[in-house]
Structures are given as structure tokens and as C-alpha cells.
Amino acid sequence: MTKDIKNGSIYWVNLKGYKERFKQRPCVVVSNDKLCKYSNNVLVIMATTNTKNGKNYPEDMNLIIDGKPARITTTQIFTVSKSQIKNHIQDLTQSQRKTLKSKIVHTLSL
């Protein structure tokens, strides 16, 4: 079964083995759609629902994921195999995509 993975979509991603403390986390896909279609790997940014620490850096983007407050931290960009991508959660809105893009540009000093 081929997954139709798209830029700006949030999926549950199996991170077991990536970092021992993580098993499955929500991640937003930031690879362009062409890369998503033809590559076996995609770029993602990990999200967390642990937003209680009160810290909010310029690289962070707050949003609701699966009905819960969450934070995407653009300092957590990495590559995963498509086989690690599990269920689709939701898509970013156009406004959220624009905000995320500016956060990535800021993080990478582009």
C-alpha cells in the first residue's frame, strides 16, 4: 500500500529507535510534495503536547493537534522513512503553513 503523504500534513510517526524515549509522536511533514511522492524518506518536524513548561521560543509554533494544545519546534527537523509514518491526524491550514515556513526560515537563517 502506497501512502499519499503530503507537505503540511500531520501524522503519527513511529520514532522507536530514533530516540529511546519516543515511541510514536505527531510530526508535520515539511518535504515538498515531489519528494514525498518519489523518495523513500521525508523530512518531518516533531510536535509535542507538553506545552505546560511555559517556554515559547521564536522557533516554536503553537497549534491544536487532535484536539489538544501542541507545539511544533522547528529545531527538531529530521528525516524518517515512509514506513515509519502511520495514521494521518490532520492538515495544517494555509495560515499555519505560512507561519511554519517563516519559523523554518528563521531557524535555518535562510
PDB file of N, CA and C in Angstrom:
ATOM      1  N   MET A   1       0.839  -1.188   0.000  1.00  0.00           N
ATOM      2  CA  MET A   1       0.000   0.000   0.000  1.00  0.00           C
ATOM      3  C   MET A   1       0.882   1.249   0.000  1.00  0.00           C
ATOM      4  N   THR A   2       0.688   2.128  -0.960  1.00  0.00           N
ATOM      5  CA  THR A   2       1.453   3.369  -1.046  1.00  0.00           C
ATOM      6  C   THR A   2       0.712   4.456  -0.280  1.00  0.00           C
ATOM      7  N   LYS A   3       1.435   5.125   0.594  1.00  0.00           N
ATOM      8  CA  LYS A   3       0.837   6.212   1.363  1.00  0.00           C
ATOM      9  C   LYS A   3       0.894   7.487   0.553  1.00  0.00           C
ATOM     10  N   ASP A   4      -0.184   8.242   0.597  1.00  0.00           N
ATOM     11  CA  ASP A   4      -0.244   9.528  -0.083  1.00  0.00           C
ATOM     12  C   ASP A   4       0.155  10.615   0.922  1.00  0.00           C
ATOM     13  N   ILE A   5       1.451  10.724   1.166  1.00  0.00           N
ATOM     14  CA  ILE A   5       1.985  11.650   2.168  1.00  0.00           C
ATOM     15  C   ILE A   5       2.143  13.020   1.526  1.00  0.00           C
ATOM     16  N   LYS A   6       1.675  14.048   2.212  1.00  0.00           N
ATOM     17  CA  LYS A   6       1.676  15.408   1.656  1.00  0.00           C
ATOM     18  C   LYS A   6       2.351  16.401   2.593  1.00  0.00           C
ATOM     19  N   ASN A   7       2.980  17.387   1.999  1.00  0.00           N
ATOM     20  CA  ASN A   7       3.554  18.504   2.733  1.00  0.00           C
ATOM     21  C   ASN A   7       2.461  19.194   3.539  1.00  0.00           C
ATOM     22  N   GLY A   8       2.788  19.525   4.781  1.00  0.00           N
ATOM     23  CA  GLY A   8       1.841  20.246   5.625  1.00  0.00           C
ATOM     24  C   GLY A   8       0.845  19.358   6.334  1.00  0.00           C
ATOM     25  N   SER A   9       0.969  18.045   6.182  1.00  0.00           N
ATOM     26  CA  SER A   9       0.085  17.116   6.880  1.00  0.00           C
ATOM     27  C   SER A   9       0.761  16.628   8.154  1.00  0.00           C
ATOM     28  N   ILE A  10      -0.058  16.353   9.156  1.00  0.00           N
ATOM     29  CA  ILE A  10       0.445  15.858  10.433  1.00  0.00           C
ATOM     30  C   ILE A  10       0.055  14.390  10.553  1.00  0.00           C
ATOM     31  N   TYR A  11       1.049  13.569  10.883  1.00  0.00           N
ATOM     32  CA  TYR A  11       0.862  12.124  11.003  1.00  0.00           C
ATOM     33  C   TYR A  11       1.421  11.646  12.337  1.00  0.00           C
ATOM     34  N   TRP A  12       0.925  10.501  12.785  1.00  0.00           N
ATOM     35  CA  TRP A  12       1.595   9.784  13.855  1.00  0.00           C
ATOM     36  C   TRP A  12       2.802   9.113  13.214  1.00  0.00           C
ATOM     37  N   VAL A  13       3.978   9.280  13.826  1.00  0.00           N
ATOM     38  CA  VAL A  13       5.212   8.712  13.286  1.00  0.00           C
ATOM     39  C   VAL A  13       5.848   7.831  14.349  1.00  0.00           C
ATOM     40  N   ASN A  14       6.202   6.623  13.948  1.00  0.00           N
ATOM     41  CA  ASN A  14       6.868   5.686  14.840  1.00  0.00           C
ATOM     42  C   ASN A  14       8.333   6.095  14.952  1.00  0.00           C
ATOM     43  N   LEU A  15       8.736   6.569  16.114  1.00  0.00           N
ATOM     44  CA  LEU A  15      10.103   7.038  16.337  1.00  0.00           C
ATOM     45  C   LEU A  15      10.909   6.077  17.193  1.00  0.00           C
ATOM     46  N   LYS A  16      10.389   4.891  17.423  1.00  0.00           N
ATOM     47  CA  LYS A  16      11.119   3.903  18.213  1.00  0.00           C
ATOM     48  C   LYS A  16      12.448   3.619  17.520  1.00  0.00           C
ATOM     49  N   GLY A  17      13.507   3.745  18.276  1.00  0.00           N
ATOM     50  CA  GLY A  17      14.841   3.569  17.711  1.00  0.00           C
ATOM     51  C   GLY A  17      15.482   4.893  17.326  1.00  0.00           C
ATOM     52  N   TYR A  18      14.676   5.923  17.074  1.00  0.00           N
ATOM     53  CA  TYR A  18      15.241   7.242  16.771  1.00  0.00           C
ATOM     54  C   TYR A  18      15.772   7.860  18.053  1.00  0.00           C
ATOM     55  N   LYS A  19      14.909   7.951  19.014  1.00  0.00           N
ATOM     56  CA  LYS A  19      15.282   8.381  20.360  1.00  0.00           C
ATOM     57  C   LYS A  19      14.561   7.430  21.297  1.00  0.00           C
ATOM     58  N   GLU A  20      15.289   6.820  22.196  1.00  0.00           N
ATOM     59  CA  GLU A  20      14.718   5.758  23.022  1.00  0.00           C
ATOM     60  C   GLU A  20      13.471   6.182  23.788  1.00  0.00           C
ATOM     61  N   ARG A  21      13.393   7.428  24.178  1.00  0.00           N
ATOM     62  CA  ARG A  21      12.241   7.835  24.987  1.00  0.00           C
ATOM     63  C   ARG A  21      10.989   8.078  24.157  1.00  0.00           C
ATOM     64  N   PHE A  22      11.129   8.132  22.843  1.00  0.00           N
ATOM     65  CA  PHE A  22       9.974   8.370  21.986  1.00  0.00           C
ATOM     66  C   PHE A  22       9.532   7.071  21.327  1.00  0.00           C
ATOM     67  N   LYS A  23       8.270   6.852  21.295  1.00  0.00           N
ATOM     68  CA  LYS A  23       7.736   5.711  20.562  1.00  0.00           C
ATOM     69  C   LYS A  23       6.984   6.222  19.343  1.00  0.00           C
ATOM     70  N   GLN A  24       5.860   6.848  19.568  1.00  0.00           N
ATOM     71  CA  GLN A  24       5.076   7.392  18.471  1.00  0.00           C
ATOM     72  C   GLN A  24       4.697   8.821  18.822  1.00  0.00           C
ATOM     73  N   ARG A  25       4.980   9.732  17.892  1.00  0.00           N
ATOM     74  CA  ARG A  25       4.719  11.156  18.132  1.00  0.00           C
ATOM     75  C   ARG A  25       4.068  11.768  16.908  1.00  0.00           C
ATOM     76  N   PRO A  26       3.309  12.841  17.106  1.00  0.00           N
ATOM     77  CA  PRO A  26       2.797  13.562  15.942  1.00  0.00           C
ATOM     78  C   PRO A  26       3.937  14.359  15.308  1.00  0.00           C
ATOM     79  N   CYS A  27       3.991  14.324  13.983  1.00  0.00           N
ATOM     80  CA  CYS A  27       5.013  15.066  13.233  1.00  0.00           C
ATOM     81  C   CYS A  27       4.356  15.691  12.013  1.00  0.00           C
ATOM     82  N   VAL A  28       4.821  16.884  11.668  1.00  0.00           N
ATOM     83  CA  VAL A  28       4.340  17.539  10.453  1.00  0.00           C
ATOM     84  C   VAL A  28       5.367  17.297   9.346  1.00  0.00           C
ATOM     85  N   VAL A  29       4.878  16.937   8.164  1.00  0.00           N
ATOM     86  CA  VAL A  29       5.743  16.689   7.013  1.00  0.00           C
ATOM     87  C   VAL A  29       6.113  18.027   6.387  1.00  0.00           C
ATOM     88  N   VAL A  30       7.419  18.259   6.199  1.00  0.00           N
ATOM     89  CA  VAL A  30       7.876  19.507   5.585  1.00  0.00           C
ATOM     90  C   VAL A  30       8.603  19.283   4.258  1.00  0.00           C
ATOM     91  N   SER A  31       8.744  18.031   3.829  1.00  0.00           N
ATOM     92  CA  SER A  31       9.285  17.764   2.493  1.00  0.00           C
ATOM     93  C   SER A  31       8.284  18.272   1.461  1.00  0.00           C
ATOM     94  N   ASN A  32       8.810  18.722   0.298  1.00  0.00           N
ATOM     95  CA  ASN A  32       7.876  19.133  -0.751  1.00  0.00           C
ATOM     96  C   ASN A  32       7.154  17.902  -1.299  1.00  0.00           C
ATOM     97  N   ASP A  33       6.026  18.119  -1.968  1.00  0.00           N
ATOM     98  CA  ASP A  33       5.186  17.007  -2.413  1.00  0.00           C
ATOM     99  C   ASP A  33       5.887  16.093  -3.412  1.00  0.00           C
ATOM    100  N   LYS A  34       6.784  16.639  -4.232  1.00  0.00           N
ATOM    101  CA  LYS A  34       7.509  15.811  -5.191  1.00  0.00           C
ATOM    102  C   LYS A  34       8.424  14.829  -4.449  1.00  0.00           C
ATOM    103  N   LEU A  35       9.135  15.327  -3.446  1.00  0.00           N
ATOM    104  CA  LEU A  35       9.989  14.461  -2.633  1.00  0.00           C
ATOM    105  C   LEU A  35       9.136  13.421  -1.910  1.00  0.00           C
ATOM    106  N   CYS A  36       7.989  13.840  -1.399  1.00  0.00           N
ATOM    107  CA  CYS A  36       7.093  12.905  -0.713  1.00  0.00           C
ATOM    108  C   CYS A  36       6.660  11.775  -1.642  1.00  0.00           C
ATOM    109  N   LYS A  37       6.454  12.103  -2.899  1.00  0.00           N
ATOM    110  CA  LYS A  37       5.970  11.112  -3.863  1.00  0.00           C
ATOM    111  C   LYS A  37       7.053  10.129  -4.288  1.00  0.00           C
ATOM    112  N   TYR A  38       8.266  10.626  -4.525  1.00  0.00           N
ATOM    113  CA  TYR A  38       9.293   9.791  -5.149  1.00  0.00           C
ATOM    114  C   TYR A  38      10.389   9.258  -4.226  1.00  0.00           C
ATOM    115  N   SER A  39      10.510   9.804  -3.035  1.00  0.00           N
ATOM    116  CA  SER A  39      11.568   9.361  -2.121  1.00  0.00           C
ATOM    117  C   SER A  39      11.016   8.359  -1.110  1.00  0.00           C
ATOM    118  N   ASN A  40      11.892   7.523  -0.588  1.00  0.00           N
ATOM    119  CA  ASN A  40      11.502   6.600   0.483  1.00  0.00           C
ATOM    120  C   ASN A  40      11.552   7.269   1.847  1.00  0.00           C
ATOM    121  N   ASN A  41      12.100   8.488   1.893  1.00  0.00           N
ATOM    122  CA  ASN A  41      12.242   9.234   3.142  1.00  0.00           C
ATOM    123  C   ASN A  41      11.591  10.603   3.005  1.00  0.00           C
ATOM    124  N   VAL A  42      11.174  11.157   4.137  1.00  0.00           N
ATOM    125  CA  VAL A  42      10.615  12.508   4.153  1.00  0.00           C
ATOM    126  C   VAL A  42      11.152  13.275   5.350  1.00  0.00           C
ATOM    127  N   LEU A  43      11.155  14.589   5.232  1.00  0.00           N
ATOM    128  CA  LEU A  43      11.541  15.462   6.338  1.00  0.00           C
ATOM    129  C   LEU A  43      10.313  15.759   7.186  1.00  0.00           C
ATOM    130  N   VAL A  44      10.476  15.678   8.497  1.00  0.00           N
ATOM    131  CA  VAL A  44       9.380  15.969   9.412  1.00  0.00           C
ATOM    132  C   VAL A  44       9.875  16.847  10.552  1.00  0.00           C
ATOM    133  N   ILE A  45       8.936  17.479  11.212  1.00  0.00           N
ATOM    134  CA  ILE A  45       9.218  18.215  12.440  1.00  0.00           C
ATOM    135  C   ILE A  45       8.348  17.606  13.533  1.00  0.00           C
ATOM    136  N   MET A  46       8.986  17.228  14.616  1.00  0.00           N
ATOM    137  CA  MET A  46       8.291  16.607  15.728  1.00  0.00           C
ATOM    138  C   MET A  46       7.453  17.638  16.487  1.00  0.00           C
ATOM    139  N   ALA A  47       6.307  17.194  16.946  1.00  0.00           N
ATOM    140  CA  ALA A  47       5.441  18.038  17.770  1.00  0.00           C
ATOM    141  C   ALA A  47       5.361  17.445  19.172  1.00  0.00           C
ATOM    142  N   THR A  48       5.006  18.291  20.112  1.00  0.00           N
ATOM    143  CA  THR A  48       4.813  17.829  21.485  1.00  0.00           C
ATOM    144  C   THR A  48       3.500  18.402  22.020  1.00  0.00           C
ATOM    145  N   THR A  49       2.848  17.638  22.859  1.00  0.00           N
ATOM    146  CA  THR A  49       1.660  18.146  23.544  1.00  0.00           C
ATOM    147  C   THR A  49       2.013  18.607  24.949  1.00  0.00           C
ATOM    148  N   ASN A  50       3.297  18.532  25.285  1.00  0.00           N
ATOM    149  CA  ASN A  50       3.767  19.021  26.584  1.00  0.00           C
ATOM    150  C   ASN A  50       4.053  20.516  26.453  1.00  0.00           C
ATOM    151  N   THR A  51       3.027  21.308  26.623  1.00  0.00           N
ATOM    152  CA  THR A  51       3.149  22.760  26.482  1.00  0.00           C
ATOM    153  C   THR A  51       3.078  23.471  27.832  1.00  0.00           C
ATOM    154  N   LYS A  52       3.165  22.722  28.904  1.00  0.00           N
ATOM    155  CA  LYS A  52       2.985  23.287  30.245  1.00  0.00           C
ATOM    156  C   LYS A  52       4.204  24.005  30.790  1.00  0.00           C
ATOM    157  N   ASN A  53       5.383  23.829  30.162  1.00  0.00           N
ATOM    158  CA  ASN A  53       6.593  24.445  30.722  1.00  0.00           C
ATOM    159  C   ASN A  53       6.617  25.958  30.521  1.00  0.00           C
ATOM    160  N   GLY A  54       5.702  26.491  29.719  1.00  0.00           N
ATOM    161  CA  GLY A  54       5.595  27.935  29.561  1.00  0.00           C
ATOM    162  C   GLY A  54       6.622  28.556  28.641  1.00  0.00           C
ATOM    163  N   LYS A  55       7.626  27.816  28.243  1.00  0.00           N
ATOM    164  CA  LYS A  55       8.648  28.349  27.343  1.00  0.00           C
ATOM    165  C   LYS A  55       8.108  28.357  25.918  1.00  0.00           C
ATOM    166  N   ASN A  56       8.282  29.481  25.279  1.00  0.00           N
ATOM    167  CA  ASN A  56       7.837  29.597  23.899  1.00  0.00           C
ATOM    168  C   ASN A  56       8.896  30.394  23.150  1.00  0.00           C
ATOM    169  N   TYR A  57       9.665  29.704  22.346  1.00  0.00           N
ATOM    170  CA  TYR A  57      10.766  30.314  21.612  1.00  0.00           C
ATOM    171  C   TYR A  57      10.311  30.789  20.241  1.00  0.00           C
ATOM    172  N   PRO A  58      11.066  31.691  19.613  1.00  0.00           N
ATOM    173  CA  PRO A  58      10.679  32.179  18.280  1.00  0.00           C
ATOM    174  C   PRO A  58      10.544  31.055  17.252  1.00  0.00           C
ATOM    175  N   GLU A  59      11.239  29.950  17.489  1.00  0.00           N
ATOM    176  CA  GLU A  59      11.192  28.816  16.567  1.00  0.00           C
ATOM    177  C   GLU A  59       9.961  27.942  16.769  1.00  0.00           C
ATOM    178  N   ASP A  60       9.214  28.182  17.822  1.00  0.00           N
ATOM    179  CA  ASP A  60       8.051  27.357  18.159  1.00  0.00           C
ATOM    180  C   ASP A  60       6.783  27.864  17.490  1.00  0.00           C
ATOM    181  N   MET A  61       5.904  26.923  17.206  1.00  0.00           N
ATOM    182  CA  MET A  61       4.586  27.261  16.655  1.00  0.00           C
ATOM    183  C   MET A  61       3.538  26.498  17.463  1.00  0.00           C
ATOM    184  N   ASN A  62       2.638  27.240  18.071  1.00  0.00           N
ATOM    185  CA  ASN A  62       1.572  26.624  18.859  1.00  0.00           C
ATOM    186  C   ASN A  62       0.356  26.371  17.973  1.00  0.00           C
ATOM    187  N   LEU A  63      -0.289  25.234  18.211  1.00  0.00           N
ATOM    188  CA  LEU A  63      -1.496  24.879  17.471  1.00  0.00           C
ATOM    189  C   LEU A  63      -2.230  23.788  18.228  1.00  0.00           C
ATOM    190  N   ILE A  64      -3.355  23.377  17.693  1.00  0.00           N
ATOM    191  CA  ILE A  64      -4.130  22.281  18.263  1.00  0.00           C
ATOM    192  C   ILE A  64      -3.928  21.069  17.354  1.00  0.00           C
ATOM    193  N   ILE A  65      -3.495  19.950  17.952  1.00  0.00           N
ATOM    194  CA  ILE A  65      -3.341  18.710  17.209  1.00  0.00           C
ATOM    195  C   ILE A  65      -4.226  17.657  17.849  1.00  0.00           C
ATOM    196  N   ASP A  66      -5.120  17.124  17.064  1.00  0.00           N
ATOM    197  CA  ASP A  66      -6.020  16.074  17.544  1.00  0.00           C
ATOM    198  C   ASP A  66      -6.791  16.537  18.783  1.00  0.00           C
ATOM    199  N   GLY A  67      -7.181  17.823  18.784  1.00  0.00           N
ATOM    200  CA  GLY A  67      -7.976  18.379  19.874  1.00  0.00           C
ATOM    201  C   GLY A  67      -7.199  18.790  21.109  1.00  0.00           C
ATOM    202  N   LYS A  68      -5.850  18.691  21.057  1.00  0.00           N
ATOM    203  CA  LYS A  68      -5.031  19.029  22.226  1.00  0.00           C
ATOM    204  C   LYS A  68      -4.049  20.144  21.892  1.00  0.00           C
ATOM    205  N   PRO A  69      -3.787  21.054  22.855  1.00  0.00           N
ATOM    206  CA  PRO A  69      -2.754  22.068  22.613  1.00  0.00           C
ATOM    207  C   PRO A  69      -1.419  21.386  22.339  1.00  0.00           C
ATOM    208  N   ALA A  70      -0.705  21.899  21.349  1.00  0.00           N
ATOM    209  CA  ALA A  70       0.571  21.291  20.965  1.00  0.00           C
ATOM    210  C   ALA A  70       1.536  22.376  20.513  1.00  0.00           C
ATOM    211  N   ARG A  71       2.793  21.972  20.397  1.00  0.00           N
ATOM    212  CA  ARG A  71       3.833  22.890  19.951  1.00  0.00           C
ATOM    213  C   ARG A  71       4.721  22.165  18.947  1.00  0.00           C
ATOM    214  N   ILE A  72       4.964  22.819  17.830  1.00  0.00           N
ATOM    215  CA  ILE A  72       5.924  22.335  16.843  1.00  0.00           C
ATOM    216  C   ILE A  72       7.188  23.160  17.040  1.00  0.00           C
ATOM    217  N   THR A  73       8.313  22.477  17.216  1.00  0.00           N
ATOM    218  CA  THR A  73       9.593  23.150  17.427  1.00  0.00           C
ATOM    219  C   THR A  73      10.464  22.914  16.203  1.00  0.00           C
ATOM    220  N   THR A  74      10.702  23.965  15.441  1.00  0.00           N
ATOM    221  CA  THR A  74      11.404  23.810  14.166  1.00  0.00           C
ATOM    222  C   THR A  74      12.887  23.496  14.325  1.00  0.00           C
ATOM    223  N   THR A  75      13.369  23.407  15.545  1.00  0.00           N
ATOM    224  CA  THR A  75      14.738  22.936  15.761  1.00  0.00           C
ATOM    225  C   THR A  75      14.785  21.406  15.738  1.00  0.00           C
ATOM    226  N   GLN A  76      13.636  20.766  15.606  1.00  0.00           N
ATOM    227  CA  GLN A  76      13.537  19.299  15.594  1.00  0.00           C
ATOM    228  C   GLN A  76      13.184  18.785  14.198  1.00  0.00           C
ATOM    229  N   ILE A  77      13.946  19.200  13.177  1.00  0.00           N
ATOM    230  CA  ILE A  77      13.727  18.741  11.801  1.00  0.00           C
ATOM    231  C   ILE A  77      14.609  17.521  11.564  1.00  0.00           C
ATOM    232  N   PHE A  78      14.020  16.441  11.074  1.00  0.00           N
ATOM    233  CA  PHE A  78      14.807  15.252  10.779  1.00  0.00           C
ATOM    234  C   PHE A  78      14.130  14.409   9.706  1.00  0.00           C
ATOM    235  N   THR A  79      14.855  13.399   9.247  1.00  0.00           N
ATOM    236  CA  THR A  79      14.391  12.526   8.176  1.00  0.00           C
ATOM    237  C   THR A  79      13.880  11.228   8.754  1.00  0.00           C
ATOM    238  N   VAL A  80      12.743  10.760   8.225  1.00  0.00           N
ATOM    239  CA  VAL A  80      12.226   9.442   8.604  1.00  0.00           C
ATOM    240  C   VAL A  80      11.874   8.676   7.335  1.00  0.00           C
ATOM    241  N   SER A  81      11.874   7.384   7.451  1.00  0.00           N
ATOM    242  CA  SER A  81      11.424   6.522   6.369  1.00  0.00           C
ATOM    243  C   SER A  81       9.901   6.592   6.289  1.00  0.00           C
ATOM    244  N   LYS A  82       9.376   6.497   5.084  1.00  0.00           N
ATOM    245  CA  LYS A  82       7.919   6.485   4.934  1.00  0.00           C
ATOM    246  C   LYS A  82       7.282   5.344   5.709  1.00  0.00           C
ATOM    247  N   SER A  83       8.027   4.268   5.912  1.00  0.00           N
ATOM    248  CA  SER A  83       7.479   3.127   6.649  1.00  0.00           C
ATOM    249  C   SER A  83       7.202   3.469   8.110  1.00  0.00           C
ATOM    250  N   GLN A  84       7.828   4.539   8.616  1.00  0.00           N
ATOM    251  CA  GLN A  84       7.608   4.972   9.994  1.00  0.00           C
ATOM    252  C   GLN A  84       6.353   5.832  10.137  1.00  0.00           C
ATOM    253  N   ILE A  85       5.841   6.319   9.026  1.00  0.00           N
ATOM    254  CA  ILE A  85       4.670   7.192   9.067  1.00  0.00           C
ATOM    255  C   ILE A  85       3.414   6.343   9.162  1.00  0.00           C
ATOM    256  N   LYS A  86       2.622   6.653  10.168  1.00  0.00           N
ATOM    257  CA  LYS A  86       1.418   5.865  10.444  1.00  0.00           C
ATOM    258  C   LYS A  86       0.172   6.679  10.078  1.00  0.00           C
ATOM    259  N   ASN A  87      -0.759   6.799  10.976  1.00  0.00           N
ATOM    260  CA  ASN A  87      -2.052   7.408  10.678  1.00  0.00           C
ATOM    261  C   ASN A  87      -1.991   8.922  10.504  1.00  0.00           C
ATOM    262  N   HIS A  88      -2.767   9.400   9.542  1.00  0.00           N
ATOM    263  CA  HIS A  88      -2.923  10.838   9.312  1.00  0.00           C
ATOM    264  C   HIS A  88      -3.763  11.423  10.441  1.00  0.00           C
ATOM    265  N   ILE A  89      -3.335  12.554  10.971  1.00  0.00           N
ATOM    266  CA  ILE A  89      -4.077  13.220  12.043  1.00  0.00           C
ATOM    267  C   ILE A  89      -4.888  14.376  11.469  1.00  0.00           C
ATOM    268  N   GLN A  90      -4.192  15.289  10.787  1.00  0.00           N
ATOM    269  CA  GLN A  90      -4.853  16.476  10.234  1.00  0.00           C
ATOM    270  C   GLN A  90      -3.887  17.191   9.309  1.00  0.00           C
ATOM    271  N   ASP A  91      -4.398  18.198   8.614  1.00  0.00           N
ATOM    272  CA  ASP A  91      -3.575  19.044   7.748  1.00  0.00           C
ATOM    273  C   ASP A  91      -3.463  20.431   8.358  1.00  0.00           C
ATOM    274  N   LEU A  92      -2.325  21.066   8.134  1.00  0.00           N
ATOM    275  CA  LEU A  92      -2.183  22.465   8.534  1.00  0.00           C
ATOM    276  C   LEU A  92      -3.048  23.332   7.626  1.00  0.00           C
ATOM    277  N   THR A  93      -3.563  24.424   8.168  1.00  0.00           N
ATOM    278  CA  THR A  93      -4.280  25.395   7.344  1.00  0.00           C
ATOM    279  C   THR A  93      -3.257  26.184   6.525  1.00  0.00           C
ATOM    280  N   GLN A  94      -3.706  26.933   5.548  1.00  0.00           N
ATOM    281  CA  GLN A  94      -2.796  27.771   4.760  1.00  0.00           C
ATOM    282  C   GLN A  94      -2.080  28.773   5.656  1.00  0.00           C
ATOM    283  N   SER A  95      -2.791  29.346   6.607  1.00  0.00           N
ATOM    284  CA  SER A  95      -2.183  30.295   7.540  1.00  0.00           C
ATOM    285  C   SER A  95      -1.109  29.608   8.393  1.00  0.00           C
ATOM    286  N   GLN A  96      -1.393  28.412   8.863  1.00  0.00           N
ATOM    287  CA  GLN A  96      -0.409  27.670   9.656  1.00  0.00           C
ATOM    288  C   GLN A  96       0.806  27.297   8.814  1.00  0.00           C
ATOM    289  N   ARG A  97       0.593  26.948   7.545  1.00  0.00           N
ATOM    290  CA  ARG A  97       1.711  26.625   6.648  1.00  0.00           C
ATOM    291  C   ARG A  97       2.627  27.839   6.473  1.00  0.00           C
ATOM    292  N   LYS A  98       2.019  28.998   6.298  1.00  0.00           N
ATOM    293  CA  LYS A  98       2.784  30.237   6.123  1.00  0.00           C
ATOM    294  C   LYS A  98       3.603  30.534   7.381  1.00  0.00           C
ATOM    295  N   THR A  99       2.978  30.396   8.538  1.00  0.00           N
ATOM    296  CA  THR A  99       3.669  30.629   9.806  1.00  0.00           C
ATOM    297  C   THR A  99       4.811  29.635   9.987  1.00  0.00           C
ATOM    298  N   LEU A 100       4.553  28.354   9.699  1.00  0.00           N
ATOM    299  CA  LEU A 100       5.585  27.334   9.852  1.00  0.00           C
ATOM    300  C   LEU A 100       6.759  27.611   8.917  1.00  0.00           C
ATOM    301  N   LYS A 101       6.466  28.009   7.702  1.00  0.00           N
ATOM    302  CA  LYS A 101       7.540  28.326   6.746  1.00  0.00           C
ATOM    303  C   LYS A 101       8.426  29.445   7.285  1.00  0.00           C
ATOM    304  N   SER A 102       7.829  30.490   7.832  1.00  0.00           N
ATOM    305  CA  SER A 102       8.632  31.599   8.363  1.00  0.00           C
ATOM    306  C   SER A 102       9.449  31.152   9.581  1.00  0.00           C
ATOM    307  N   LYS A 103       8.899  30.244  10.381  1.00  0.00           N
ATOM    308  CA  LYS A 103       9.640  29.718  11.534  1.00  0.00           C
ATOM    309  C   LYS A 103      10.841  28.887  11.071  1.00  0.00           C
ATOM    310  N   ILE A 104      10.665  28.091  10.012  1.00  0.00           N
ATOM    311  CA  ILE A 104      11.762  27.289   9.473  1.00  0.00           C
ATOM    312  C   ILE A 104      12.848  28.197   8.904  1.00  0.00           C
ATOM    313  N   VAL A 105      12.458  29.224   8.171  1.00  0.00           N
ATOM    314  CA  VAL A 105      13.428  30.178   7.612  1.00  0.00           C
ATOM    315  C   VAL A 105      14.215  30.833   8.742  1.00  0.00           C
ATOM    316  N   HIS A 106      13.524  31.207   9.807  1.00  0.00           N
ATOM    317  CA  HIS A 106      14.180  31.816  10.974  1.00  0.00           C
ATOM    318  C   HIS A 106      15.186  30.833  11.596  1.00  0.00           C
ATOM    319  N   THR A 107      14.748  29.591  11.798  1.00  0.00           N
ATOM    320  CA  THR A 107      15.591  28.575  12.433  1.00  0.00           C
ATOM    321  C   THR A 107      16.850  28.305  11.624  1.00  0.00           C
ATOM    322  N   LEU A 108      16.713  28.220  10.307  1.00  0.00           N
ATOM    323  CA  LEU A 108      17.847  27.881   9.445  1.00  0.00           C
ATOM    324  C   LEU A 108      18.622  29.101   8.970  1.00  0.00           C
ATOM    325  N   SER A 109      18.198  30.285   9.393  1.00  0.00           N
ATOM    326  CA  SER A 109      18.841  31.549   8.990  1.00  0.00           C
ATOM    327  C   SER A 109      18.964  31.688   7.476  1.00  0.00           C
ATOM    328  N   LEU A 110      17.881  31.384   6.789  1.00  0.00           N
ATOM    329  CA  LEU A 110      17.876  31.484   5.320  1.00  0.00           C
ATOM    330  C   LEU A 110      17.497  32.885   4.858  1.00  0.00           C
TER     331      LEU A 110
END
